[in-house]
PDB file of all heavy atoms in Angstrom:
ATOM      1  N   MET A   1      95.717 154.192 122.355  1.00  0.00           N
ATOM      2  CA  MET A   1      96.821 153.865 121.432  1.00  0.00           C
ATOM      3  C   MET A   1      96.958 154.858 120.227  1.00  0.00           C
ATOM      4  O   MET A   1      97.740 154.657 119.331  1.00  0.00           O
ATOM      5  CB  MET A   1      96.655 152.464 120.943  1.00  0.00           C
ATOM      6  CG  MET A   1      96.758 151.371 122.018  1.00  0.00           C
ATOM      7  SD  MET A   1      96.540 149.714 121.348  1.00  0.00           S
ATOM      8  CE  MET A   1      97.950 149.568 120.236  1.00  0.00           C
ATOM      9  N   GLU A   2      96.137 155.913 120.301  1.00  0.00           N
ATOM     10  CA  GLU A   2      96.016 156.809 119.115  1.00  0.00           C
ATOM     11  C   GLU A   2      97.403 157.446 118.810  1.00  0.00           C
ATOM     12  O   GLU A   2      97.824 157.442 117.642  1.00  0.00           O
ATOM     13  CB  GLU A   2      95.032 157.909 119.404  1.00  0.00           C
ATOM     14  CG  GLU A   2      94.880 158.880 118.153  1.00  0.00           C
ATOM     15  CD  GLU A   2      93.781 159.890 118.383  1.00  0.00           C
ATOM     16  OE1 GLU A   2      93.105 159.830 119.460  1.00  0.00           O
ATOM     17  OE2 GLU A   2      93.607 160.757 117.531  1.00  0.00           O
ATOM     18  N   GLU A   3      98.134 157.935 119.790  1.00  0.00           N
ATOM     19  CA  GLU A   3      99.460 158.567 119.523  1.00  0.00           C
ATOM     20  C   GLU A   3     100.430 157.567 118.990  1.00  0.00           C
ATOM     21  O   GLU A   3     101.205 157.876 118.034  1.00  0.00           O
ATOM     22  CB  GLU A   3      99.967 159.265 120.743  1.00  0.00           C
ATOM     23  CG  GLU A   3      99.262 160.550 121.140  1.00  0.00           C
ATOM     24  CD  GLU A   3      99.994 161.294 122.155  1.00  0.00           C
ATOM     25  OE1 GLU A   3     101.266 161.498 122.010  1.00  0.00           O
ATOM     26  OE2 GLU A   3      99.412 161.722 123.204  1.00  0.00           O
ATOM     27  N   LEU A   4     100.398 156.366 119.536  1.00  0.00           N
ATOM     28  CA  LEU A   4     101.331 155.305 119.043  1.00  0.00           C
ATOM     29  C   LEU A   4     101.020 154.943 117.581  1.00  0.00           C
ATOM     30  O   LEU A   4     101.950 154.808 116.793  1.00  0.00           O
ATOM     31  CB  LEU A   4     101.248 154.074 119.937  1.00  0.00           C
ATOM     32  CG  LEU A   4     102.035 152.800 119.484  1.00  0.00           C
ATOM     33  CD1 LEU A   4     103.487 153.155 119.423  1.00  0.00           C
ATOM     34  CD2 LEU A   4     101.770 151.680 120.401  1.00  0.00           C
ATOM     35  N   VAL A   5      99.736 154.759 117.271  1.00  0.00           N
ATOM     36  CA  VAL A   5      99.391 154.434 115.907  1.00  0.00           C
ATOM     37  C   VAL A   5      99.817 155.520 114.948  1.00  0.00           C
ATOM     38  O   VAL A   5     100.320 155.240 113.841  1.00  0.00           O
ATOM     39  CB  VAL A   5      97.837 154.190 115.807  1.00  0.00           C
ATOM     40  CG1 VAL A   5      97.433 154.048 114.368  1.00  0.00           C
ATOM     41  CG2 VAL A   5      97.423 152.932 116.608  1.00  0.00           C
ATOM     42  N   HIS A   6      99.681 156.799 115.334  1.00  0.00           N
ATOM     43  CA  HIS A   6     100.104 157.927 114.516  1.00  0.00           C
ATOM     44  C   HIS A   6     101.600 157.847 114.278  1.00  0.00           C
ATOM     45  O   HIS A   6     102.069 158.080 113.136  1.00  0.00           O
ATOM     46  CB  HIS A   6      99.690 159.224 115.195  1.00  0.00           C
ATOM     47  CG  HIS A   6     100.072 160.422 114.372  1.00  0.00           C
ATOM     48  ND1 HIS A   6      99.451 160.789 113.182  1.00  0.00           N
ATOM     49  CD2 HIS A   6     101.068 161.370 114.572  1.00  0.00           C
ATOM     50  CE1 HIS A   6      99.983 161.950 112.713  1.00  0.00           C
ATOM     51  NE2 HIS A   6     100.997 162.208 113.541  1.00  0.00           N
ATOM     52  N   ALA A   7     102.366 157.563 115.335  1.00  0.00           N
ATOM     53  CA  ALA A   7     103.808 157.508 115.251  1.00  0.00           C
ATOM     54  C   ALA A   7     104.266 156.355 114.302  1.00  0.00           C
ATOM     55  O   ALA A   7     105.160 156.450 113.512  1.00  0.00           O
ATOM     56  CB  ALA A   7     104.415 157.371 116.599  1.00  0.00           C
ATOM     57  N   LEU A   8     103.608 155.220 114.435  1.00  0.00           N
ATOM     58  CA  LEU A   8     103.959 154.092 113.591  1.00  0.00           C
ATOM     59  C   LEU A   8     103.588 154.326 112.106  1.00  0.00           C
ATOM     60  O   LEU A   8     104.229 153.723 111.226  1.00  0.00           O
ATOM     61  CB  LEU A   8     103.185 152.819 114.059  1.00  0.00           C
ATOM     62  CG  LEU A   8     103.630 152.230 115.444  1.00  0.00           C
ATOM     63  CD1 LEU A   8     102.714 151.096 115.896  1.00  0.00           C
ATOM     64  CD2 LEU A   8     105.077 151.709 115.370  1.00  0.00           C
ATOM     65  N   GLY A   9     102.621 155.178 111.874  1.00  0.00           N
ATOM     66  CA  GLY A   9     102.267 155.546 110.514  1.00  0.00           C
ATOM     67  C   GLY A   9     103.353 156.179 109.760  1.00  0.00           C
ATOM     68  O   GLY A   9     103.343 156.256 108.522  1.00  0.00           O
ATOM     69  N   CYS A  10     104.317 156.730 110.450  1.00  0.00           N
ATOM     70  CA  CYS A  10     105.463 157.431 109.843  1.00  0.00           C
ATOM     71  C   CYS A  10     106.682 156.532 109.650  1.00  0.00           C
ATOM     72  O   CYS A  10     107.758 156.971 109.201  1.00  0.00           O
ATOM     73  CB  CYS A  10     105.849 158.648 110.637  1.00  0.00           C
ATOM     74  SG  CYS A  10     104.510 159.854 110.918  1.00  0.00           S
ATOM     75  N   LEU A  11     106.528 155.273 110.066  1.00  0.00           N
ATOM     76  CA  LEU A  11     107.612 154.291 109.981  1.00  0.00           C
ATOM     77  C   LEU A  11     107.263 153.189 108.993  1.00  0.00           C
ATOM     78  O   LEU A  11     106.122 152.921 108.693  1.00  0.00           O
ATOM     79  CB  LEU A  11     107.859 153.714 111.380  1.00  0.00           C
ATOM     80  CG  LEU A  11     108.303 154.709 112.498  1.00  0.00           C
ATOM     81  CD1 LEU A  11     108.389 154.000 113.815  1.00  0.00           C
ATOM     82  CD2 LEU A  11     109.614 155.356 112.162  1.00  0.00           C
ATOM     83  N   PRO A  12     108.274 152.510 108.395  1.00  0.00           N
ATOM     84  CA  PRO A  12     108.060 151.445 107.443  1.00  0.00           C
ATOM     85  C   PRO A  12     107.649 150.153 108.127  1.00  0.00           C
ATOM     86  O   PRO A  12     108.420 149.239 108.194  1.00  0.00           O
ATOM     87  CB  PRO A  12     109.422 151.324 106.792  1.00  0.00           C
ATOM     88  CG  PRO A  12     110.424 151.657 107.833  1.00  0.00           C
ATOM     89  CD  PRO A  12     109.767 152.851 108.636  1.00  0.00           C
ATOM     90  N   VAL A  13     106.457 150.110 108.568  1.00  0.00           N
ATOM     91  CA  VAL A  13     105.939 148.903 109.268  1.00  0.00           C
ATOM     92  C   VAL A  13     105.594 147.797 108.277  1.00  0.00           C
ATOM     93  O   VAL A  13     104.968 148.009 107.271  1.00  0.00           O
ATOM     94  CB  VAL A  13     104.630 149.261 110.109  1.00  0.00           C
ATOM     95  CG1 VAL A  13     104.024 147.986 110.701  1.00  0.00           C
ATOM     96  CG2 VAL A  13     104.917 150.286 111.120  1.00  0.00           C
ATOM     97  N   GLN A  14     106.175 146.593 108.596  1.00  0.00           N
ATOM     98  CA  GLN A  14     105.893 145.430 107.752  1.00  0.00           C
ATOM     99  C   GLN A  14     104.636 144.713 108.235  1.00  0.00           C
ATOM    100  O   GLN A  14     103.759 144.395 107.474  1.00  0.00           O
ATOM    101  CB  GLN A  14     107.099 144.489 107.796  1.00  0.00           C
ATOM    102  CG  GLN A  14     106.837 143.207 106.960  1.00  0.00           C
ATOM    103  CD  GLN A  14     108.084 142.368 106.915  1.00  0.00           C
ATOM    104  OE1 GLN A  14     109.232 142.876 106.839  1.00  0.00           O
ATOM    105  NE2 GLN A  14     107.938 141.024 106.936  1.00  0.00           N
ATOM    106  N   ASP A  15     104.558 144.473 109.502  1.00  0.00           N
ATOM    107  CA  ASP A  15     103.332 143.890 110.153  1.00  0.00           C
ATOM    108  C   ASP A  15     103.364 144.147 111.610  1.00  0.00           C
ATOM    109  O   ASP A  15     104.456 144.513 112.196  1.00  0.00           O
ATOM    110  CB  ASP A  15     103.215 142.398 109.800  1.00  0.00           C
ATOM    111  CG  ASP A  15     104.347 141.571 110.353  1.00  0.00           C
ATOM    112  OD1 ASP A  15     104.582 141.552 111.535  1.00  0.00           O
ATOM    113  OD2 ASP A  15     105.083 140.926 109.561  1.00  0.00           O
ATOM    114  N   MET A  16     102.200 143.873 112.251  1.00  0.00           N
ATOM    115  CA  MET A  16     102.194 144.055 113.721  1.00  0.00           C
ATOM    116  C   MET A  16     101.083 143.157 114.317  1.00  0.00           C
ATOM    117  O   MET A  16     100.098 142.813 113.616  1.00  0.00           O
ATOM    118  CB  MET A  16     101.964 145.479 114.166  1.00  0.00           C
ATOM    119  CG  MET A  16     100.733 146.171 113.704  1.00  0.00           C
ATOM    120  SD  MET A  16     100.638 147.849 114.196  1.00  0.00           S
ATOM    121  CE  MET A  16      99.118 148.377 113.495  1.00  0.00           C
ATOM    122  N   GLU A  17     101.260 142.766 115.543  1.00  0.00           N
ATOM    123  CA  GLU A  17     100.308 141.863 116.250  1.00  0.00           C
ATOM    124  C   GLU A  17     100.005 142.500 117.627  1.00  0.00           C
ATOM    125  O   GLU A  17     100.878 143.044 118.326  1.00  0.00           O
ATOM    126  CB  GLU A  17     100.931 140.476 116.496  1.00  0.00           C
ATOM    127  CG  GLU A  17     101.294 139.718 115.240  1.00  0.00           C
ATOM    128  CD  GLU A  17     101.960 138.439 115.565  1.00  0.00           C
ATOM    129  OE1 GLU A  17     102.130 138.081 116.737  1.00  0.00           O
ATOM    130  OE2 GLU A  17     102.362 137.721 114.573  1.00  0.00           O
ATOM    131  N   THR A  18      98.757 142.479 118.031  1.00  0.00           N
ATOM    132  CA  THR A  18      98.319 142.911 119.351  1.00  0.00           C
ATOM    133  C   THR A  18      97.968 141.693 120.165  1.00  0.00           C
ATOM    134  O   THR A  18      97.395 140.733 119.630  1.00  0.00           O
ATOM    135  CB  THR A  18      97.184 143.834 119.239  1.00  0.00           C
ATOM    136  OG1 THR A  18      96.096 143.253 118.574  1.00  0.00           O
ATOM    137  CG2 THR A  18      97.534 145.140 118.510  1.00  0.00           C
ATOM    138  N   GLU A  19      98.239 141.781 121.433  1.00  0.00           N
ATOM    139  CA  GLU A  19      97.918 140.689 122.375  1.00  0.00           C
ATOM    140  C   GLU A  19      97.076 141.225 123.506  1.00  0.00           C
ATOM    141  O   GLU A  19      97.426 142.210 124.167  1.00  0.00           O
ATOM    142  CB  GLU A  19      99.208 140.114 122.956  1.00  0.00           C
ATOM    143  CG  GLU A  19      99.035 138.947 123.959  1.00  0.00           C
ATOM    144  CD  GLU A  19     100.347 138.456 124.523  1.00  0.00           C
ATOM    145  OE1 GLU A  19     101.383 138.797 123.925  1.00  0.00           O
ATOM    146  OE2 GLU A  19     100.283 137.742 125.493  1.00  0.00           O
ATOM    147  N   ARG A  20      95.922 140.571 123.673  1.00  0.00           N
ATOM    148  CA  ARG A  20      95.052 140.972 124.805  1.00  0.00           C
ATOM    149  C   ARG A  20      95.665 140.518 126.119  1.00  0.00           C
ATOM    150  O   ARG A  20      96.102 139.402 126.253  1.00  0.00           O
ATOM    151  CB  ARG A  20      93.680 140.320 124.617  1.00  0.00           C
ATOM    152  CG  ARG A  20      92.652 140.755 125.683  1.00  0.00           C
ATOM    153  CD  ARG A  20      91.383 139.988 125.538  1.00  0.00           C
ATOM    154  NE  ARG A  20      90.450 140.308 126.605  1.00  0.00           N
ATOM    155  CZ  ARG A  20      89.308 139.675 126.816  1.00  0.00           C
ATOM    156  NH1 ARG A  20      88.950 138.680 126.035  1.00  0.00           N
ATOM    157  NH2 ARG A  20      88.520 140.006 127.814  1.00  0.00           N
ATOM    158  N   PRO A  21      95.674 141.407 127.144  1.00  0.00           N
ATOM    159  CA  PRO A  21      96.276 141.010 128.421  1.00  0.00           C
ATOM    160  C   PRO A  21      95.464 139.972 129.070  1.00  0.00           C
ATOM    161  O   PRO A  21      94.227 139.922 128.963  1.00  0.00           O
ATOM    162  CB  PRO A  21      96.279 142.348 129.189  1.00  0.00           C
ATOM    163  CG  PRO A  21      95.114 143.129 128.651  1.00  0.00           C
ATOM    164  CD  PRO A  21      95.092 142.737 127.147  1.00  0.00           C
ATOM    165  N   SER A  22      96.078 139.153 129.876  1.00  0.00           N
ATOM    166  CA  SER A  22      95.400 138.195 130.729  1.00  0.00           C
ATOM    167  C   SER A  22      95.100 138.762 132.054  1.00  0.00           C
ATOM    168  O   SER A  22      95.580 139.868 132.397  1.00  0.00           O
ATOM    169  CB  SER A  22      96.269 136.877 130.915  1.00  0.00           C
ATOM    170  OG  SER A  22      97.416 137.268 131.708  1.00  0.00           O
ATOM    171  N   LEU A  23      94.309 138.146 132.846  1.00  0.00           N
ATOM    172  CA  LEU A  23      94.031 138.678 134.180  1.00  0.00           C
ATOM    173  C   LEU A  23      95.277 138.652 135.013  1.00  0.00           C
ATOM    174  O   LEU A  23      95.454 139.490 135.905  1.00  0.00           O
ATOM    175  CB  LEU A  23      92.927 137.757 134.870  1.00  0.00           C
ATOM    176  CG  LEU A  23      92.426 138.266 136.218  1.00  0.00           C
ATOM    177  CD1 LEU A  23      91.805 139.650 136.093  1.00  0.00           C
ATOM    178  CD2 LEU A  23      91.407 137.287 136.770  1.00  0.00           C
ATOM    179  N   GLU A  24      96.230 137.775 134.691  1.00  0.00           N
ATOM    180  CA  GLU A  24      97.536 137.772 135.431  1.00  0.00           C
ATOM    181  C   GLU A  24      98.275 139.047 135.175  1.00  0.00           C
ATOM    182  O   GLU A  24      98.894 139.638 136.076  1.00  0.00           O
ATOM    183  CB  GLU A  24      98.376 136.550 135.000  1.00  0.00           C
ATOM    184  CG  GLU A  24      99.663 136.440 135.790  1.00  0.00           C
ATOM    185  CD  GLU A  24     100.372 135.142 135.538  1.00  0.00           C
ATOM    186  OE1 GLU A  24      99.904 134.357 134.667  1.00  0.00           O
ATOM    187  OE2 GLU A  24     101.394 134.923 136.195  1.00  0.00           O
ATOM    188  N   ASP A  25      98.214 139.533 133.904  1.00  0.00           N
ATOM    189  CA  ASP A  25      98.899 140.799 133.566  1.00  0.00           C
ATOM    190  C   ASP A  25      98.265 141.942 134.412  1.00  0.00           C
ATOM    191  O   ASP A  25      98.989 142.797 134.903  1.00  0.00           O
ATOM    192  CB  ASP A  25      98.739 141.126 132.083  1.00  0.00           C
ATOM    193  CG  ASP A  25      99.496 140.152 131.232  1.00  0.00           C
ATOM    194  OD1 ASP A  25     100.568 139.670 131.617  1.00  0.00           O
ATOM    195  OD2 ASP A  25      98.954 139.793 130.179  1.00  0.00           O
ATOM    196  N   VAL A  26      96.921 141.993 134.511  1.00  0.00           N
ATOM    197  CA  VAL A  26      96.274 142.972 135.290  1.00  0.00           C
ATOM    198  C   VAL A  26      96.653 142.922 136.776  1.00  0.00           C
ATOM    199  O   VAL A  26      96.966 143.867 137.398  1.00  0.00           O
ATOM    200  CB  VAL A  26      94.734 142.868 135.151  1.00  0.00           C
ATOM    201  CG1 VAL A  26      94.050 143.887 136.007  1.00  0.00           C
ATOM    202  CG2 VAL A  26      94.343 142.902 133.721  1.00  0.00           C
ATOM    203  N   PHE A  27      96.654 141.679 137.241  1.00  0.00           N
ATOM    204  CA  PHE A  27      96.979 141.427 138.657  1.00  0.00           C
ATOM    205  C   PHE A  27      98.362 141.930 138.975  1.00  0.00           C
ATOM    206  O   PHE A  27      98.598 142.652 139.943  1.00  0.00           O
ATOM    207  CB  PHE A  27      96.859 139.935 138.908  1.00  0.00           C
ATOM    208  CG  PHE A  27      97.299 139.500 140.323  1.00  0.00           C
ATOM    209  CD1 PHE A  27      96.426 139.718 141.436  1.00  0.00           C
ATOM    210  CD2 PHE A  27      98.520 138.961 140.568  1.00  0.00           C
ATOM    211  CE1 PHE A  27      96.833 139.354 142.675  1.00  0.00           C
ATOM    212  CE2 PHE A  27      98.897 138.559 141.842  1.00  0.00           C
ATOM    213  CZ  PHE A  27      98.057 138.763 142.893  1.00  0.00           C
ATOM    214  N   LEU A  28      99.353 141.593 138.127  1.00  0.00           N
ATOM    215  CA  LEU A  28     100.728 141.992 138.378  1.00  0.00           C
ATOM    216  C   LEU A  28     100.893 143.479 138.279  1.00  0.00           C
ATOM    217  O   LEU A  28     101.732 144.084 139.006  1.00  0.00           O
ATOM    218  CB  LEU A  28     101.671 141.294 137.394  1.00  0.00           C
ATOM    219  CG  LEU A  28     101.780 139.760 137.601  1.00  0.00           C
ATOM    220  CD1 LEU A  28     102.632 139.171 136.477  1.00  0.00           C
ATOM    221  CD2 LEU A  28     102.435 139.434 138.939  1.00  0.00           C
ATOM    222  N   SER A  29     100.079 144.079 137.433  1.00  0.00           N
ATOM    223  CA  SER A  29     100.197 145.578 137.268  1.00  0.00           C
ATOM    224  C   SER A  29      99.783 146.220 138.568  1.00  0.00           C
ATOM    225  O   SER A  29     100.314 147.286 138.937  1.00  0.00           O
ATOM    226  CB  SER A  29      99.379 146.083 136.151  1.00  0.00           C
ATOM    227  OG  SER A  29      97.969 146.023 136.402  1.00  0.00           O
ATOM    228  N   TYR A  30      98.784 145.693 139.305  1.00  0.00           N
ATOM    229  CA  TYR A  30      98.362 146.217 140.605  1.00  0.00           C
ATOM    230  C   TYR A  30      99.464 146.130 141.626  1.00  0.00           C
ATOM    231  O   TYR A  30      99.709 146.970 142.449  1.00  0.00           O
ATOM    232  CB  TYR A  30      97.077 145.573 141.042  1.00  0.00           C
ATOM    233  CG  TYR A  30      95.871 146.152 140.453  1.00  0.00           C
ATOM    234  CD1 TYR A  30      95.151 145.542 139.417  1.00  0.00           C
ATOM    235  CD2 TYR A  30      95.362 147.431 140.870  1.00  0.00           C
ATOM    236  CE1 TYR A  30      94.085 146.092 138.830  1.00  0.00           C
ATOM    237  CE2 TYR A  30      94.245 147.979 140.299  1.00  0.00           C
ATOM    238  CZ  TYR A  30      93.556 147.327 139.292  1.00  0.00           C
ATOM    239  OH  TYR A  30      92.467 147.886 138.689  1.00  0.00           O
ATOM    240  N   TYR A  31     100.153 144.942 141.599  1.00  0.00           N
ATOM    241  CA  TYR A  31     101.130 144.758 142.627  1.00  0.00           C
ATOM    242  C   TYR A  31     102.445 145.442 142.309  1.00  0.00           C
ATOM    243  O   TYR A  31     103.296 145.579 143.211  1.00  0.00           O
ATOM    244  CB  TYR A  31     101.319 143.253 142.826  1.00  0.00           C
ATOM    245  CG  TYR A  31     100.326 142.725 143.889  1.00  0.00           C
ATOM    246  CD1 TYR A  31      99.057 142.382 143.420  1.00  0.00           C
ATOM    247  CD2 TYR A  31     100.634 142.606 145.176  1.00  0.00           C
ATOM    248  CE1 TYR A  31      98.077 141.993 144.326  1.00  0.00           C
ATOM    249  CE2 TYR A  31      99.738 142.232 146.075  1.00  0.00           C
ATOM    250  CZ  TYR A  31      98.437 141.927 145.651  1.00  0.00           C
ATOM    251  OH  TYR A  31      97.487 141.506 146.571  1.00  0.00           O
TER     252      TYR A  31
END
């Protein structure tokens, strides 16, 4: 996520939230 974090540093960010993926997200990404 380094490049994304660098890009966001140049924008007026108020707040942000990260969400850990579930196993279902992983499973669907394979399919």
